[in-house]
N, C-alpha and C. Protein backbone atom coordinates (compact mmCIF):
# COMPACT_ATOMS: atom_id res chain seq x y z
N MET A 1 -2.83 9.52 -5.44
CA MET A 1 -2.74 8.04 -4.97
C MET A 1 -3.50 7.18 -5.87
N TYR A 2 -2.97 6.01 -6.28
CA TYR A 2 -3.53 4.86 -6.93
C TYR A 2 -4.01 3.90 -6.07
N CYS A 3 -4.96 3.08 -6.49
CA CYS A 3 -5.54 2.00 -5.58
C CYS A 3 -6.19 1.05 -6.45
N LYS A 4 -6.00 -0.19 -6.04
CA LYS A 4 -6.92 -1.37 -6.60
C LYS A 4 -7.13 -2.32 -5.70
N VAL A 5 -8.51 -2.71 -5.56
CA VAL A 5 -9.06 -3.72 -4.64
C VAL A 5 -8.95 -5.10 -5.25
N HIS A 6 -8.40 -6.04 -4.64
CA HIS A 6 -8.30 -7.45 -5.00
C HIS A 6 -9.13 -8.28 -4.11
N GLU A 7 -10.14 -8.93 -4.67
CA GLU A 7 -11.13 -9.64 -3.88
C GLU A 7 -10.57 -11.18 -3.81
N SER A 8 -10.84 -11.83 -2.65
CA SER A 8 -10.50 -13.22 -2.45
C SER A 8 -11.58 -13.95 -1.58
N GLU A 9 -11.42 -15.14 -1.39
CA GLU A 9 -12.24 -15.81 -0.36
C GLU A 9 -12.16 -15.31 1.03
N TYR A 10 -11.00 -14.62 1.43
CA TYR A 10 -10.81 -14.16 2.52
C TYR A 10 -11.25 -12.67 2.88
N GLY A 11 -11.63 -12.04 1.68
CA GLY A 11 -12.05 -10.65 1.75
C GLY A 11 -11.32 -9.81 0.76
N MET A 12 -10.96 -8.64 1.21
CA MET A 12 -10.50 -7.51 0.33
C MET A 12 -9.03 -7.27 0.56
N LEU A 13 -8.14 -7.36 -0.32
CA LEU A 13 -6.79 -6.84 -0.29
C LEU A 13 -6.84 -5.56 -0.97
N VAL A 14 -6.24 -4.44 -0.25
CA VAL A 14 -6.05 -3.17 -0.84
C VAL A 14 -4.55 -3.01 -1.16
N ALA A 15 -4.39 -2.58 -2.39
CA ALA A 15 -3.04 -2.19 -2.84
C ALA A 15 -3.14 -0.76 -3.29
N ALA A 16 -2.11 0.03 -2.71
CA ALA A 16 -2.16 1.40 -2.97
C ALA A 16 -0.77 1.85 -3.05
N CYS A 17 -0.63 2.92 -3.91
CA CYS A 17 0.68 3.62 -4.06
C CYS A 17 0.58 5.16 -4.31
N ASP A 18 1.72 5.93 -3.99
CA ASP A 18 1.60 7.38 -4.28
C ASP A 18 1.73 7.54 -5.75
N ASP A 19 1.32 8.63 -6.26
CA ASP A 19 1.49 9.00 -7.63
C ASP A 19 2.88 8.92 -8.06
N SER A 20 3.81 9.49 -7.23
CA SER A 20 5.10 9.58 -7.57
C SER A 20 5.85 8.23 -7.84
N VAL A 21 5.37 7.05 -7.39
CA VAL A 21 6.08 5.82 -7.56
C VAL A 21 5.36 4.91 -8.44
N GLN A 22 4.21 5.22 -8.92
CA GLN A 22 3.49 4.31 -9.71
C GLN A 22 4.25 4.16 -11.23
N GLY A 23 4.41 2.76 -11.38
CA GLY A 23 4.97 2.34 -12.64
C GLY A 23 6.65 2.39 -12.50
N LYS A 24 7.20 2.80 -11.38
CA LYS A 24 8.64 2.90 -11.27
C LYS A 24 9.27 1.64 -10.57
N THR A 25 10.53 1.46 -10.88
CA THR A 25 11.22 0.33 -10.25
C THR A 25 12.17 1.09 -9.22
N LEU A 26 11.87 0.63 -7.99
CA LEU A 26 12.80 1.10 -6.81
C LEU A 26 13.89 0.19 -6.64
N LYS A 27 15.14 0.53 -6.53
CA LYS A 27 16.25 -0.27 -6.41
C LYS A 27 17.02 0.24 -5.34
N ASP A 28 17.43 -0.75 -4.30
CA ASP A 28 18.34 -0.35 -3.24
C ASP A 28 19.09 -1.69 -2.79
N LYS A 29 20.35 -1.71 -2.95
CA LYS A 29 21.21 -2.83 -2.58
C LYS A 29 20.63 -4.12 -3.28
N ASP A 30 20.15 -5.08 -2.50
CA ASP A 30 19.67 -6.35 -3.03
C ASP A 30 18.18 -6.35 -3.53
N ILE A 31 17.59 -5.24 -3.29
CA ILE A 31 16.12 -5.07 -3.44
C ILE A 31 15.97 -4.44 -4.78
N GLU A 32 14.97 -5.04 -5.64
CA GLU A 32 14.49 -4.49 -6.81
C GLU A 32 13.06 -4.66 -6.85
N PHE A 33 12.27 -3.62 -6.86
CA PHE A 33 10.76 -3.64 -6.51
C PHE A 33 10.06 -2.73 -7.64
N PHE A 34 9.27 -3.41 -8.48
CA PHE A 34 8.54 -2.63 -9.44
C PHE A 34 7.11 -2.59 -8.97
N VAL A 35 6.72 -1.14 -8.93
CA VAL A 35 5.36 -0.81 -8.43
C VAL A 35 4.49 -0.89 -9.65
N ASN A 36 3.98 -2.04 -9.90
CA ASN A 36 3.19 -2.51 -11.05
C ASN A 36 1.84 -1.78 -11.14
N PRO A 37 1.45 -0.96 -12.16
CA PRO A 37 0.22 -0.45 -12.17
C PRO A 37 -0.94 -1.49 -12.29
N ARG A 38 -0.61 -2.77 -12.76
CA ARG A 38 -1.69 -3.57 -12.85
C ARG A 38 -2.05 -4.19 -11.37
N PHE A 39 -1.07 -4.10 -10.52
CA PHE A 39 -1.48 -4.59 -9.08
C PHE A 39 -1.90 -3.33 -8.38
N TYR A 40 -1.30 -2.24 -8.40
CA TYR A 40 -1.57 -1.12 -7.51
C TYR A 40 -2.70 -0.27 -8.08
N GLY A 41 -3.14 -0.48 -9.24
CA GLY A 41 -4.28 0.19 -9.82
C GLY A 41 -3.87 1.38 -10.93
N GLU A 42 -4.79 1.65 -11.73
CA GLU A 42 -4.55 2.63 -12.64
C GLU A 42 -5.54 3.74 -12.55
N LYS A 43 -6.38 3.68 -11.47
CA LYS A 43 -7.24 4.80 -11.14
C LYS A 43 -6.91 5.43 -9.93
N LYS A 44 -6.95 6.78 -9.92
CA LYS A 44 -6.60 7.51 -8.79
C LYS A 44 -7.71 7.46 -7.72
N ILE A 45 -7.51 7.63 -6.39
CA ILE A 45 -8.34 7.56 -5.42
C ILE A 45 -8.02 8.73 -4.30
N SER A 46 -9.12 9.20 -3.68
CA SER A 46 -8.82 10.24 -2.74
C SER A 46 -8.32 9.70 -1.44
N GLU A 47 -7.68 10.44 -0.69
CA GLU A 47 -7.24 9.96 0.71
C GLU A 47 -8.42 9.48 1.55
N LYS A 48 -9.56 10.14 1.54
CA LYS A 48 -10.61 9.84 2.21
C LYS A 48 -11.25 8.52 1.73
N LYS A 49 -11.29 7.98 0.50
CA LYS A 49 -11.81 6.93 -0.05
C LYS A 49 -10.91 5.77 0.29
N LEU A 50 -9.55 6.16 0.22
CA LEU A 50 -8.60 5.00 0.53
C LEU A 50 -8.70 4.65 2.15
N ALA A 51 -8.81 5.75 2.93
CA ALA A 51 -8.98 5.36 4.46
C ALA A 51 -10.09 4.52 4.69
N LYS A 52 -11.31 4.64 4.01
CA LYS A 52 -12.37 3.73 4.17
C LYS A 52 -12.17 2.28 3.67
N LEU A 53 -11.45 2.24 2.54
CA LEU A 53 -11.14 0.84 2.04
C LEU A 53 -10.16 0.26 3.14
N LEU A 54 -9.14 0.97 3.64
CA LEU A 54 -8.20 0.26 4.55
C LEU A 54 -8.93 -0.06 5.85
N ALA A 55 -10.00 0.67 6.26
CA ALA A 55 -10.74 0.31 7.45
C ALA A 55 -11.48 -1.02 7.35
N HIS A 56 -11.71 -1.50 6.09
CA HIS A 56 -12.52 -2.75 5.96
C HIS A 56 -11.72 -3.93 5.22
N CYS A 57 -10.48 -3.72 5.03
CA CYS A 57 -9.69 -4.71 4.22
C CYS A 57 -9.06 -5.79 5.30
N TYR A 58 -8.78 -7.01 4.84
CA TYR A 58 -8.14 -7.98 5.60
C TYR A 58 -6.53 -7.83 5.27
N SER A 59 -6.13 -7.16 4.18
CA SER A 59 -4.69 -7.07 3.99
C SER A 59 -4.52 -5.79 3.08
N ALA A 60 -3.25 -5.17 3.26
CA ALA A 60 -2.98 -4.06 2.42
C ALA A 60 -1.60 -4.16 2.01
N ASN A 61 -1.19 -3.70 0.80
CA ASN A 61 0.10 -3.66 0.33
C ASN A 61 0.35 -2.10 -0.14
N LEU A 62 1.28 -1.38 0.47
CA LEU A 62 1.36 0.00 0.31
C LEU A 62 2.62 0.53 0.00
N VAL A 63 2.71 1.45 -0.86
CA VAL A 63 4.01 1.92 -1.31
C VAL A 63 3.90 3.57 -1.37
N GLY A 64 4.85 4.18 -0.74
CA GLY A 64 4.87 5.62 -0.88
C GLY A 64 4.78 6.42 0.46
N LYS A 65 5.23 7.56 0.58
CA LYS A 65 5.18 8.35 1.85
C LYS A 65 3.76 8.72 2.22
N LYS A 66 3.00 9.22 1.25
CA LYS A 66 1.47 9.59 1.57
C LYS A 66 0.65 8.38 1.96
N VAL A 67 0.75 7.29 1.22
CA VAL A 67 -0.12 6.03 1.41
C VAL A 67 0.30 5.37 2.73
N VAL A 68 1.51 5.21 2.97
CA VAL A 68 2.11 4.50 4.15
C VAL A 68 1.81 5.49 5.43
N GLY A 69 1.95 6.84 5.18
CA GLY A 69 1.67 7.79 6.24
C GLY A 69 0.21 7.63 6.66
N LEU A 70 -0.65 7.52 5.77
CA LEU A 70 -2.05 7.47 5.94
C LEU A 70 -2.34 6.22 6.79
N ALA A 71 -1.76 5.03 6.31
CA ALA A 71 -1.93 3.74 7.11
C ALA A 71 -1.36 3.84 8.55
N GLN A 72 -0.37 4.61 8.77
CA GLN A 72 0.11 4.85 10.23
C GLN A 72 -0.70 5.66 10.89
N GLU A 73 -1.43 6.71 10.47
CA GLU A 73 -2.47 7.54 11.07
C GLU A 73 -3.63 6.64 11.52
N LEU A 74 -3.90 5.68 10.65
CA LEU A 74 -5.10 4.82 11.00
C LEU A 74 -4.65 3.74 11.90
N THR A 75 -3.36 3.76 12.39
CA THR A 75 -2.94 2.72 13.20
C THR A 75 -2.82 1.16 12.44
N LEU A 76 -2.89 1.25 11.17
CA LEU A 76 -2.85 0.05 10.54
C LEU A 76 -1.43 -0.52 10.25
N VAL A 77 -0.44 0.40 10.33
CA VAL A 77 0.91 0.07 10.11
C VAL A 77 1.78 0.68 11.29
N ASN A 78 2.72 0.02 11.70
CA ASN A 78 3.70 0.40 12.79
C ASN A 78 4.93 0.74 12.14
N LYS A 79 5.52 1.78 12.64
CA LYS A 79 6.82 2.28 12.06
C LYS A 79 7.79 1.13 12.00
N LYS A 80 7.93 0.23 12.91
CA LYS A 80 8.93 -0.77 12.80
C LYS A 80 8.76 -1.84 11.74
N ASN A 81 7.53 -1.68 11.21
CA ASN A 81 7.12 -2.69 9.96
C ASN A 81 7.15 -2.09 8.69
N ILE A 82 7.95 -0.94 8.59
CA ILE A 82 8.00 -0.23 7.26
C ILE A 82 9.43 -0.63 6.71
N VAL A 83 9.37 -1.09 5.53
CA VAL A 83 10.70 -1.35 4.86
C VAL A 83 10.95 -0.03 3.97
N MET A 84 12.13 0.49 4.01
CA MET A 84 12.62 1.62 3.17
C MET A 84 13.39 1.17 2.02
N ILE A 85 12.92 1.50 0.77
CA ILE A 85 13.62 1.20 -0.49
C ILE A 85 13.90 2.54 -1.14
N LYS A 86 15.22 2.88 -1.14
CA LYS A 86 15.67 4.13 -1.64
C LYS A 86 14.81 5.37 -1.11
N LYS A 87 14.55 5.39 0.33
CA LYS A 87 13.88 6.44 1.00
C LYS A 87 12.37 6.37 0.63
N ILE A 88 11.84 5.38 -0.03
CA ILE A 88 10.57 5.12 -0.24
C ILE A 88 9.89 4.10 0.70
N PRO A 89 8.87 4.51 1.46
CA PRO A 89 8.42 3.39 2.40
C PRO A 89 7.49 2.39 1.76
N HIS A 90 7.60 1.13 2.24
CA HIS A 90 6.85 0.04 1.86
C HIS A 90 6.24 -0.75 2.90
N ALA A 91 5.02 -1.03 2.97
CA ALA A 91 4.39 -1.73 4.13
C ALA A 91 3.31 -2.66 3.80
N GLN A 92 3.21 -3.84 4.53
CA GLN A 92 2.26 -4.56 4.21
C GLN A 92 1.52 -4.80 5.63
N ALA A 93 0.18 -4.88 5.62
CA ALA A 93 -0.72 -4.96 6.82
C ALA A 93 -1.55 -6.26 6.77
N PHE A 94 -1.79 -7.01 7.80
CA PHE A 94 -2.66 -8.07 7.59
C PHE A 94 -3.65 -8.10 8.86
N VAL A 95 -4.91 -8.39 8.82
CA VAL A 95 -5.80 -8.30 9.91
C VAL A 95 -5.92 -9.85 10.24
N VAL A 96 -5.70 -10.27 11.49
CA VAL A 96 -5.84 -11.56 12.03
C VAL A 96 -7.31 -12.00 12.16
N LEU A 97 -7.72 -12.89 11.36
CA LEU A 97 -9.14 -13.40 11.52
C LEU A 97 -9.32 -14.51 12.50
N GLU A 98 -10.20 -14.39 13.41
CA GLU A 98 -10.34 -15.29 14.49
C GLU A 98 -11.60 -16.10 14.29
């Protein structure tokens, strides 16, 4: 898994993807999605470390079966909010700040 943390005034956005999709362009019908290493990170991360980051982020952008599956296990992502691009899951999660 690859991961990159993007900091903003709102907190931490976590971008993560599976090894198998890093740097690839996913195409399906009208969708063309580049899994950009500059956004999703160029450093590998363990599932345990990614889980800790996801538990403390305000937003997450996730691509791949392993990464999205982990987010589902953590109840960060619901199945109905997953977009499939050529059988590869993509999900975004946002924490509502009150």
